[in-house]
Structures are given as structure tokens and as C-alpha cells.
């Protein structure tokens, strides 16, 4: 069984690599989210071990982009965080299992074997809010049956807003989930891209789906034209 380990803590990554190799796995290791995304899309793996806190792209973004690209390899998320919301976010973005550091190596290998036996996950359902739909697998957005062409960043932003439809999301949450936790550019980039989205999914269809919640952030709602 071939495993991709994406982990930025080099000593831990080497420990996991050696342990999995001893357990009979064929293991590749990379240390950034960008390299992990490239490896997972260019090579065939039976299962992926993916840390959440990664340089380049965090694990959430890597998993989301893999699923959007139609890569259904089972993913087990590794993180030092512990909390039901982190788990929920991981599962919502297409992860198949979740393990919190520090973890038992016996449990890790058992979980990986179970994921391999289970096989690739079912293709995710299309996200819908009113007459707006987003297909993560086909990377396609439609409003009222008409295709809306978005850039990759616009698509990721809309996907995040639709997954949190009805909830107010802050600019910080958007930056961490659509850009990256290490993004250090201007914060108004969120406002700029929200403006781009409004001009593509709202204004041509006479909608006001993306609401600005003053002092808090943004909310996507079903707003009939």
C-alpha cells in the first residue's frame, strides 16, 4: 500500500515514515502543503496522511483542492489541535478520518488500513443555496441554470461561504481558510474578492446573496431575485 505523508515537523515525519515502512507501507514524505497537493495530484496513492498546520497551504486547503480536482484518495488528517469544530471542518472539506497528536502508532496504522479497505470516498454532493449551485468535483458554479465562470480563488471563496451558508464569517476566518494562515498581504484582499464574486453571482442575476455584516464579516444567504 502506497502512502503519502504531508507533515512539516521533520522528526515526526521521519518517525511516521519509518514506522509505516516497518508496517509494510510504501511511504512518500513531503513537508509543505504545496508539495503535498502536487504529489497527491501527480501520483497514485492508496491513502494520504495530511497535517493541518502546514506551510504554503494548510491541510484544509489541500484536502479541499484535492476533492475539487476529483482526487478521491482517502485522507486522514493529523493535527495538534483538538476540538469538535476542527473535526467538523475537516470532514466538511472531504477528509475521511481525523487523528489528534500525540497519537498511538498502532491506532494510526489501524486507521490507515481501514481507510484503504474502505476505498475512495463517495463523490461529494453539489452545494446549493437557493438557485446558486457549486459542484466541487466538476469545479462548476451555476446560478438559475446558467454557468458562472470563476477564478480558482473566487471559487474557493464561494465554496467556503456556501459551506457556511447563513453564518457570519469574519475576514480572519476567510483569510485562514481561503488564503492561508501564513498570508501576510493586505487584509482588504477579502473585500476585493467579495466584490468580484458579487459582480459575477449577484449583480447579473439581481441578487444580494453576499451580505456585509457591519463590524463582523460576511454572510451568504438565499436571496430570491
Protein backbone atom coordinates (compact mmCIF):
# COMPACT_ATOMS: atom_id res chain seq x y z
CA UNK A 1 0.00 0.00 0.00
CA UNK A 2 1.35 3.39 -1.02
CA UNK A 3 1.02 6.26 1.47
CA UNK A 4 1.72 9.98 1.13
CA UNK A 5 2.65 11.71 4.41
CA UNK A 6 2.39 15.51 4.41
CA UNK A 7 3.93 16.72 7.67
CA UNK A 8 6.12 19.79 8.28
CA UNK A 9 7.66 18.55 11.55
CA UNK A 10 10.62 16.73 10.05
CA UNK A 11 11.45 14.46 13.06
CA UNK A 12 7.80 13.39 13.35
CA UNK A 13 7.53 12.88 9.60
CA UNK A 14 10.60 10.63 9.65
CA UNK A 15 9.26 8.67 12.63
CA UNK A 16 5.94 8.13 10.83
CA UNK A 17 7.73 7.21 7.60
CA UNK A 18 9.94 4.64 9.32
CA UNK A 19 7.09 3.17 11.32
CA UNK A 20 4.81 2.84 8.32
CA UNK A 21 7.62 1.35 6.27
CA UNK A 22 8.22 -1.23 9.02
CA UNK A 23 4.48 -1.99 8.93
CA UNK A 24 4.70 -2.77 5.22
CA UNK A 25 3.62 0.54 3.67
CA UNK A 26 5.43 2.19 0.76
CA UNK A 27 5.82 5.78 2.00
CA UNK A 28 6.50 9.15 0.35
CA UNK A 29 7.03 12.20 2.59
CA UNK A 30 6.74 15.92 1.80
CA UNK A 31 6.86 18.85 4.21
CA UNK A 32 4.64 21.60 2.74
CA UNK A 33 1.03 21.82 1.67
CA UNK A 34 2.06 22.93 -1.81
CA UNK A 35 4.27 19.87 -2.29
CA UNK A 36 1.58 17.64 -0.83
CA UNK A 37 -1.02 18.95 -3.27
CA UNK A 38 1.34 18.41 -6.20
CA UNK A 39 2.31 14.88 -5.12
CA UNK A 40 -1.28 13.82 -4.46
CA UNK A 41 -2.46 15.01 -7.86
CA UNK A 42 0.53 13.74 -9.87
CA UNK A 43 0.96 10.28 -8.28
CA UNK A 44 -1.36 7.46 -7.24
CA UNK A 45 -1.67 6.72 -3.51
CA UNK A 46 -3.87 4.38 -1.52
CA UNK A 47 -4.16 6.81 1.38
CA UNK A 48 -2.87 10.25 2.44
CA UNK A 49 -1.78 11.33 5.94
CA UNK A 50 -2.25 15.10 5.98
CA UNK A 51 -1.25 17.53 8.74
CA UNK A 52 -3.47 20.60 9.12
CA UNK A 53 -0.90 23.23 10.12
CA UNK A 54 1.37 23.30 7.08
CA UNK A 55 3.44 25.98 5.34
CA UNK A 56 2.37 27.00 1.86
CA UNK A 57 -1.17 25.64 2.04
CA UNK A 58 -2.80 24.36 5.20
CA UNK A 59 -4.25 20.86 5.29
CA UNK A 60 -7.83 22.10 4.96
CA UNK A 61 -7.00 23.84 1.68
CA UNK A 62 -5.02 20.86 0.37
CA UNK A 63 -7.92 18.50 1.06
CA UNK A 64 -10.46 20.88 -0.42
CA UNK A 65 -8.43 21.36 -3.60
CA UNK A 66 -7.86 17.64 -3.99
CA UNK A 67 -11.58 16.98 -3.86
CA UNK A 68 -12.28 19.88 -6.23
CA UNK A 69 -9.77 18.33 -8.64
CA UNK A 70 -11.55 14.99 -8.47
CA UNK A 71 -8.87 13.23 -6.39
CA UNK A 72 -10.77 10.87 -4.07
CA UNK A 73 -7.82 9.19 -2.32
CA UNK A 74 -8.78 8.61 1.35
CA UNK A 75 -7.36 11.33 3.62
CA UNK A 76 -6.54 11.05 7.31
CA UNK A 77 -5.95 14.46 8.91
CA UNK A 78 -3.24 14.87 11.57
CA UNK A 79 -3.21 17.89 13.84
CA UNK A 80 -2.06 19.16 17.21
CA UNK A 81 -5.46 20.81 17.59
CA UNK A 82 -8.28 19.12 19.46
CA UNK A 83 -11.89 20.11 19.14
CA UNK A 84 -15.15 19.09 17.53
CA UNK A 85 -15.18 22.11 15.22
CA UNK A 86 -11.76 21.22 13.78
CA UNK A 87 -13.04 17.71 13.10
CA UNK A 88 -16.24 19.03 11.55
CA UNK A 89 -14.28 21.36 9.27
CA UNK A 90 -12.02 18.51 8.18
CA UNK A 91 -14.95 16.23 7.36
CA UNK A 92 -16.88 19.01 5.61
CA UNK A 93 -13.90 19.61 3.31
CA UNK A 94 -13.64 15.95 2.33
CA UNK A 95 -11.38 14.27 4.91
CA UNK A 96 -12.19 10.66 5.78
CA UNK A 97 -10.67 10.35 9.24
CA UNK A 98 -9.02 12.52 11.89
CA UNK A 99 -6.27 11.82 14.43
CA UNK A 100 -5.01 14.24 17.08
CA UNK A 101 -1.33 14.48 18.10
CA UNK A 102 0.12 12.86 20.07
CA UNK A 103 -1.29 9.64 18.69
CA UNK A 104 -0.76 5.93 19.06
CA UNK A 105 1.15 4.49 16.11
CA UNK A 106 -0.87 1.29 16.43
CA UNK A 107 -4.07 3.33 16.04
CA UNK A 108 -2.61 5.23 13.07
CA UNK A 109 -1.74 2.07 11.15
CA UNK A 110 -5.12 0.51 12.00
CA UNK A 111 -6.96 3.60 10.78
CA UNK A 112 -4.95 3.69 7.55
CA UNK A 113 -5.62 0.03 6.81
CA UNK A 114 -9.32 0.61 7.46
CA UNK A 115 -9.36 3.56 5.05
CA UNK A 116 -7.62 1.51 2.36
CA UNK A 117 -10.16 -1.31 2.80
CA UNK A 118 -13.00 1.18 2.60
CA UNK A 119 -11.66 2.65 -0.63
CA UNK A 120 -12.17 6.08 -2.16
CA UNK A 121 -14.93 8.25 -0.68
CA UNK A 122 -18.22 8.92 -2.38
CA UNK A 123 -18.24 11.93 -4.64
CA UNK A 124 -19.47 14.96 -2.61
CA UNK A 125 -22.91 16.38 -3.19
CA UNK A 126 -23.39 19.65 -5.01
CA UNK A 127 -23.67 22.64 -2.66
CA UNK A 128 -26.85 24.66 -3.19
CA UNK A 129 -28.18 27.91 -1.75
CA UNK A 130 -31.38 28.92 -3.47
CA UNK A 131 -30.77 28.89 -7.24
CA UNK A 132 -26.99 29.05 -6.72
CA UNK A 133 -25.13 25.74 -7.00
CA UNK A 134 -21.47 24.74 -6.70
CA UNK A 135 -20.14 21.35 -7.77
CA UNK A 136 -16.78 20.72 -6.01
CA UNK A 137 -15.98 17.73 -8.19
CA UNK A 138 -16.60 19.41 -11.55
CA UNK A 139 -15.41 22.80 -10.28
CA UNK A 140 -18.57 24.32 -11.73
CA UNK A 141 -20.85 27.11 -10.47
CA UNK A 142 -24.34 27.81 -11.78
CA UNK A 143 -26.97 30.39 -10.94
CA UNK A 144 -30.52 29.86 -12.20
CA UNK A 145 -29.15 27.14 -14.50
CA UNK A 146 -26.57 29.45 -16.11
CA UNK A 147 -22.87 28.67 -15.69
CA UNK A 148 -20.81 31.31 -13.86
CA UNK A 149 -17.08 31.21 -14.55
CA UNK A 150 -14.89 31.94 -11.52
CA UNK A 151 -11.16 32.07 -10.93
CA UNK A 152 -9.74 29.40 -8.57
CA UNK A 153 -9.60 31.93 -5.69
CA UNK A 154 -13.14 33.12 -6.32
CA UNK A 155 -14.31 29.51 -6.46
CA UNK A 156 -12.61 28.72 -3.12
CA UNK A 157 -14.14 31.80 -1.50
CA UNK A 158 -17.63 30.96 -2.74
CA UNK A 159 -17.21 27.33 -1.67
CA UNK A 160 -16.26 28.47 1.86
CA UNK A 161 -19.21 30.87 2.06
CA UNK A 162 -21.64 28.22 0.77
CA UNK A 163 -20.39 25.63 3.24
CA UNK A 164 -21.10 28.19 5.97
CA UNK A 165 -24.32 29.49 4.39
CA UNK A 166 -26.40 31.53 6.82
CA UNK A 167 -23.48 32.00 9.23
CA UNK A 168 -21.48 35.20 9.64
CA UNK A 169 -17.83 34.56 8.79
CA UNK A 170 -15.09 37.03 9.69
CA UNK A 171 -12.36 38.31 7.40
CA UNK A 172 -9.85 36.45 9.55
CA UNK A 173 -11.69 33.16 9.04
CA UNK A 174 -11.83 33.78 5.30
CA UNK A 175 -8.11 34.60 5.12
CA UNK A 176 -7.20 31.47 7.11
CA UNK A 177 -9.42 29.16 5.09
CA UNK A 178 -9.36 30.59 1.57
CA UNK A 179 -5.88 32.05 1.53
CA UNK A 180 -3.69 30.56 4.28
CA UNK A 181 -2.77 31.03 7.93
CA UNK A 182 0.60 32.37 6.75
CA UNK A 183 -0.86 35.01 4.41
CA UNK A 184 0.73 38.36 5.26
CA UNK A 185 -0.64 40.57 2.46
CA UNK A 186 -3.24 43.33 2.80
CA UNK A 187 -6.40 42.34 4.68
CA UNK A 188 -8.61 44.23 2.22
CA UNK A 189 -8.00 41.43 -0.29
CA UNK A 190 -11.12 39.83 1.19
CA UNK A 191 -13.23 42.88 0.34
CA UNK A 192 -11.78 42.91 -3.16
CA UNK A 193 -12.69 39.27 -3.83
CA UNK A 194 -16.12 39.60 -2.26
CA UNK A 195 -16.63 42.43 -4.75
CA UNK A 196 -15.51 40.20 -7.60
CA UNK A 197 -17.97 37.50 -6.53
CA UNK A 198 -20.85 39.94 -6.22
CA UNK A 199 -20.24 41.17 -9.76
CA UNK A 200 -20.39 37.59 -11.06
CA UNK A 201 -23.00 35.73 -8.98
CA UNK A 202 -25.27 38.53 -7.74
CA UNK A 203 -25.41 41.64 -9.90
CA UNK A 204 -26.13 39.94 -13.28
CA UNK A 205 -28.98 37.99 -11.64
CA UNK A 206 -30.34 40.87 -9.50
CA UNK A 207 -29.49 39.08 -6.25
CA UNK A 208 -27.96 40.23 -2.98
CA UNK A 209 -26.76 36.85 -1.70
CA UNK A 210 -23.49 38.00 -0.11
CA UNK A 211 -24.37 40.29 2.76
CA UNK A 212 -21.95 42.53 4.64
CA UNK A 213 -22.49 42.31 8.39
CA UNK A 214 -21.03 45.57 9.66
CA UNK A 215 -18.26 45.04 12.19
CA UNK A 216 -18.40 41.25 11.83
CA UNK A 217 -17.84 39.97 8.32
CA UNK A 218 -19.95 38.42 5.58
CA UNK A 219 -22.88 36.05 5.26
CA UNK A 220 -24.21 34.18 2.23
CA UNK A 221 -27.97 33.72 2.17
CA UNK A 222 -30.75 32.59 -0.16
CA UNK A 223 -31.90 35.89 -1.62
CA UNK A 224 -34.55 35.38 -4.32
CA UNK A 225 -34.21 37.80 -7.20
